Amino acid sequence: MRLQKGNLFYSNGAFYVRYYKDGKRVAHRLVAKDCEKHYSTDCKAVKLLRDEFMLKVNTRQPESDVKDTLVADFWKDSLR
């Protein structure tokens, strides 16, 4: 298993991280966008959330409340 950094992106008022899980590309919602603390993908606070989440992914710590979405399913749902 290789270490992943994760790719940040913004969609529908929230920041997400994309990464690979079991050979499939998935997305995980990190946080909603706000003007104070979480305002862009270059923001320190958003990058810190990504890094904390990806640490769990890379060390395979189980997280019961994590709901991953396949990227293809994400776009299908957002186009509805």
N, C-alpha and C. Protein backbone atom coordinates (compact mmCIF):
# COMPACT_ATOMS: atom_id res chain seq x y z
N MET A 1 0.84 -1.18 0.00
CA MET A 1 0.00 0.00 0.00
C MET A 1 0.89 1.25 0.00
N ARG A 2 0.56 2.19 -0.87
CA ARG A 2 1.34 3.42 -0.91
C ARG A 2 0.64 4.50 -0.09
N LEU A 3 1.42 5.45 0.38
CA LEU A 3 0.85 6.57 1.12
C LEU A 3 0.20 7.54 0.15
N GLN A 4 -0.96 8.03 0.52
CA GLN A 4 -1.69 8.96 -0.32
C GLN A 4 -1.77 10.32 0.37
N LYS A 5 -1.69 11.38 -0.43
CA LYS A 5 -1.83 12.73 0.11
C LYS A 5 -3.27 13.18 0.04
N GLY A 6 -4.01 12.76 -0.98
CA GLY A 6 -5.40 13.18 -1.16
C GLY A 6 -5.46 14.47 -1.97
N ASN A 7 -6.48 14.60 -2.78
CA ASN A 7 -6.67 15.76 -3.64
C ASN A 7 -7.88 16.55 -3.17
N LEU A 8 -7.68 17.81 -2.80
CA LEU A 8 -8.78 18.65 -2.33
C LEU A 8 -9.56 19.23 -3.50
N PHE A 9 -10.88 19.32 -3.34
CA PHE A 9 -11.71 20.03 -4.31
C PHE A 9 -12.93 20.59 -3.61
N TYR A 10 -13.53 21.57 -4.27
CA TYR A 10 -14.70 22.27 -3.73
C TYR A 10 -15.90 21.97 -4.62
N SER A 11 -17.03 21.65 -4.01
CA SER A 11 -18.25 21.41 -4.76
C SER A 11 -19.45 21.56 -3.85
N ASN A 12 -20.50 22.16 -4.37
CA ASN A 12 -21.78 22.29 -3.64
C ASN A 12 -21.63 22.83 -2.23
N GLY A 13 -20.79 23.85 -2.05
CA GLY A 13 -20.67 24.51 -0.76
C GLY A 13 -19.83 23.80 0.28
N ALA A 14 -19.04 22.80 -0.14
CA ALA A 14 -18.21 22.07 0.82
C ALA A 14 -16.89 21.66 0.18
N PHE A 15 -15.92 21.36 1.04
CA PHE A 15 -14.62 20.88 0.58
C PHE A 15 -14.58 19.36 0.74
N TYR A 16 -14.01 18.70 -0.25
CA TYR A 16 -13.90 17.24 -0.28
C TYR A 16 -12.45 16.86 -0.54
N VAL A 17 -12.12 15.62 -0.18
CA VAL A 17 -10.82 15.06 -0.52
C VAL A 17 -11.07 13.80 -1.34
N ARG A 18 -10.32 13.66 -2.45
CA ARG A 18 -10.38 12.46 -3.29
C ARG A 18 -9.17 11.59 -2.98
N TYR A 19 -9.40 10.29 -2.96
CA TYR A 19 -8.32 9.34 -2.75
C TYR A 19 -8.78 7.98 -3.26
N TYR A 20 -7.89 7.00 -3.22
CA TYR A 20 -8.22 5.65 -3.70
C TYR A 20 -8.44 4.72 -2.51
N LYS A 21 -9.51 3.94 -2.61
CA LYS A 21 -9.84 2.96 -1.59
C LYS A 21 -10.21 1.67 -2.31
N ASP A 22 -9.50 0.61 -2.02
CA ASP A 22 -9.74 -0.69 -2.66
C ASP A 22 -9.71 -0.58 -4.18
N GLY A 23 -8.79 0.22 -4.71
CA GLY A 23 -8.63 0.36 -6.15
C GLY A 23 -9.63 1.28 -6.83
N LYS A 24 -10.53 1.88 -6.07
CA LYS A 24 -11.54 2.78 -6.64
C LYS A 24 -11.32 4.19 -6.11
N ARG A 25 -11.60 5.16 -6.95
CA ARG A 25 -11.47 6.56 -6.55
C ARG A 25 -12.71 6.98 -5.78
N VAL A 26 -12.51 7.49 -4.56
CA VAL A 26 -13.62 7.89 -3.71
C VAL A 26 -13.43 9.33 -3.24
N ALA A 27 -14.52 9.92 -2.77
CA ALA A 27 -14.47 11.28 -2.23
C ALA A 27 -15.07 11.28 -0.84
N HIS A 28 -14.51 12.11 0.02
CA HIS A 28 -14.99 12.23 1.39
C HIS A 28 -15.19 13.71 1.70
N ARG A 29 -16.36 14.06 2.24
CA ARG A 29 -16.66 15.45 2.59
C ARG A 29 -15.91 15.82 3.86
N LEU A 30 -15.15 16.91 3.80
CA LEU A 30 -14.39 17.37 4.95
C LEU A 30 -15.13 18.40 5.78
N VAL A 31 -15.57 19.49 5.13
CA VAL A 31 -16.16 20.61 5.87
C VAL A 31 -16.90 21.53 4.90
N ALA A 32 -17.91 22.21 5.42
CA ALA A 32 -18.63 23.21 4.62
C ALA A 32 -17.77 24.47 4.49
N LYS A 33 -17.94 25.18 3.39
CA LYS A 33 -17.20 26.42 3.17
C LYS A 33 -17.80 27.53 4.03
N ASP A 34 -16.91 28.32 4.65
CA ASP A 34 -17.36 29.53 5.33
C ASP A 34 -16.32 30.63 5.08
N CYS A 35 -16.69 31.85 5.30
CA CYS A 35 -15.81 32.98 4.98
C CYS A 35 -14.75 33.22 6.04
N GLU A 36 -14.92 32.68 7.22
CA GLU A 36 -14.00 32.94 8.33
C GLU A 36 -12.80 32.00 8.34
N LYS A 37 -13.06 30.69 8.40
CA LYS A 37 -11.99 29.73 8.64
C LYS A 37 -11.71 28.84 7.43
N HIS A 38 -12.74 28.37 6.76
CA HIS A 38 -12.59 27.43 5.65
C HIS A 38 -13.06 28.12 4.37
N TYR A 39 -12.14 28.77 3.68
CA TYR A 39 -12.56 29.60 2.56
C TYR A 39 -11.99 29.20 1.20
N SER A 40 -10.94 28.37 1.14
CA SER A 40 -10.43 27.91 -0.15
C SER A 40 -9.65 26.62 0.04
N THR A 41 -9.33 25.94 -1.07
CA THR A 41 -8.56 24.70 -0.99
C THR A 41 -7.11 24.98 -0.60
N ASP A 42 -6.68 26.24 -0.68
CA ASP A 42 -5.33 26.62 -0.26
C ASP A 42 -5.27 27.04 1.20
N CYS A 43 -6.41 27.08 1.86
CA CYS A 43 -6.52 27.50 3.25
C CYS A 43 -5.84 26.47 4.17
N LYS A 44 -5.08 26.96 5.16
CA LYS A 44 -4.38 26.08 6.10
C LYS A 44 -5.34 25.15 6.84
N ALA A 45 -6.49 25.68 7.26
CA ALA A 45 -7.43 24.88 8.04
C ALA A 45 -7.99 23.72 7.21
N VAL A 46 -8.26 23.95 5.94
CA VAL A 46 -8.79 22.89 5.07
C VAL A 46 -7.70 21.84 4.81
N LYS A 47 -6.48 22.29 4.58
CA LYS A 47 -5.37 21.35 4.36
C LYS A 47 -5.11 20.51 5.60
N LEU A 48 -5.25 21.12 6.77
CA LEU A 48 -5.05 20.37 8.02
C LEU A 48 -6.12 19.29 8.17
N LEU A 49 -7.37 19.61 7.85
CA LEU A 49 -8.43 18.60 7.89
C LEU A 49 -8.15 17.46 6.93
N ARG A 50 -7.67 17.81 5.72
CA ARG A 50 -7.30 16.77 4.75
C ARG A 50 -6.19 15.89 5.30
N ASP A 51 -5.15 16.51 5.86
CA ASP A 51 -4.01 15.74 6.37
C ASP A 51 -4.42 14.83 7.52
N GLU A 52 -5.28 15.31 8.42
CA GLU A 52 -5.75 14.48 9.54
C GLU A 52 -6.56 13.30 9.03
N PHE A 53 -7.42 13.54 8.04
CA PHE A 53 -8.23 12.45 7.50
C PHE A 53 -7.36 11.45 6.76
N MET A 54 -6.42 11.95 5.95
CA MET A 54 -5.58 11.04 5.17
C MET A 54 -4.64 10.24 6.07
N LEU A 55 -4.28 10.77 7.22
CA LEU A 55 -3.48 10.00 8.17
C LEU A 55 -4.25 8.75 8.60
N LYS A 56 -5.54 8.92 8.84
CA LYS A 56 -6.38 7.77 9.21
C LYS A 56 -6.50 6.79 8.06
N VAL A 57 -6.63 7.30 6.85
CA VAL A 57 -6.73 6.43 5.67
C VAL A 57 -5.43 5.66 5.49
N ASN A 58 -4.31 6.35 5.59
CA ASN A 58 -3.01 5.71 5.36
C ASN A 58 -2.62 4.72 6.45
N THR A 59 -3.13 4.91 7.66
CA THR A 59 -2.84 3.96 8.74
C THR A 59 -3.96 2.96 8.92
N ARG A 60 -4.99 3.08 8.06
CA ARG A 60 -6.14 2.17 8.05
C ARG A 60 -6.85 2.10 9.40
N GLN A 61 -7.02 3.23 10.04
CA GLN A 61 -7.78 3.26 11.28
C GLN A 61 -9.27 3.25 10.92
N PRO A 62 -10.03 2.32 11.48
CA PRO A 62 -11.45 2.29 11.16
C PRO A 62 -12.16 3.52 11.72
N GLU A 63 -13.07 4.04 10.94
CA GLU A 63 -13.85 5.20 11.37
C GLU A 63 -15.29 4.90 11.03
N SER A 64 -16.12 4.74 12.05
CA SER A 64 -17.48 4.27 11.84
C SER A 64 -18.37 5.29 11.14
N ASP A 65 -18.08 6.58 11.32
CA ASP A 65 -18.96 7.59 10.74
C ASP A 65 -18.50 8.08 9.36
N VAL A 66 -17.48 7.47 8.79
CA VAL A 66 -16.98 7.88 7.47
C VAL A 66 -17.86 7.27 6.39
N LYS A 67 -18.36 8.12 5.54
CA LYS A 67 -19.14 7.63 4.41
C LYS A 67 -18.44 8.08 3.13
N ASP A 68 -17.80 7.15 2.45
CA ASP A 68 -17.10 7.45 1.21
C ASP A 68 -18.05 7.28 0.05
N THR A 69 -17.84 8.09 -0.97
CA THR A 69 -18.67 8.06 -2.16
C THR A 69 -17.78 7.89 -3.37
N LEU A 70 -18.14 6.98 -4.26
CA LEU A 70 -17.39 6.87 -5.50
C LEU A 70 -17.52 8.18 -6.25
N VAL A 71 -16.45 8.61 -6.90
CA VAL A 71 -16.46 9.89 -7.60
C VAL A 71 -17.54 9.89 -8.69
N ALA A 72 -17.70 8.78 -9.40
CA ALA A 72 -18.73 8.70 -10.43
C ALA A 72 -20.13 8.88 -9.83
N ASP A 73 -20.38 8.27 -8.68
CA ASP A 73 -21.68 8.42 -8.00
C ASP A 73 -21.88 9.84 -7.51
N PHE A 74 -20.79 10.47 -7.05
CA PHE A 74 -20.88 11.85 -6.58
C PHE A 74 -21.39 12.76 -7.70
N TRP A 75 -20.81 12.61 -8.89
CA TRP A 75 -21.23 13.47 -10.01
C TRP A 75 -22.62 13.14 -10.50
N LYS A 76 -22.99 11.86 -10.46
CA LYS A 76 -24.37 11.50 -10.84
C LYS A 76 -25.38 12.17 -9.91
N ASP A 77 -25.09 12.10 -8.61
CA ASP A 77 -26.00 12.68 -7.61
C ASP A 77 -26.05 14.21 -7.70
N SER A 78 -24.90 14.84 -8.01
CA SER A 78 -24.88 16.31 -8.05
C SER A 78 -25.57 16.85 -9.30
N LEU A 79 -25.73 16.02 -10.33
CA LEU A 79 -26.39 16.47 -11.55
C LEU A 79 -27.91 16.33 -11.50
N ARG A 80 -28.41 15.68 -10.49
CA ARG A 80 -29.86 15.49 -10.36
C ARG A 80 -30.56 16.73 -9.92
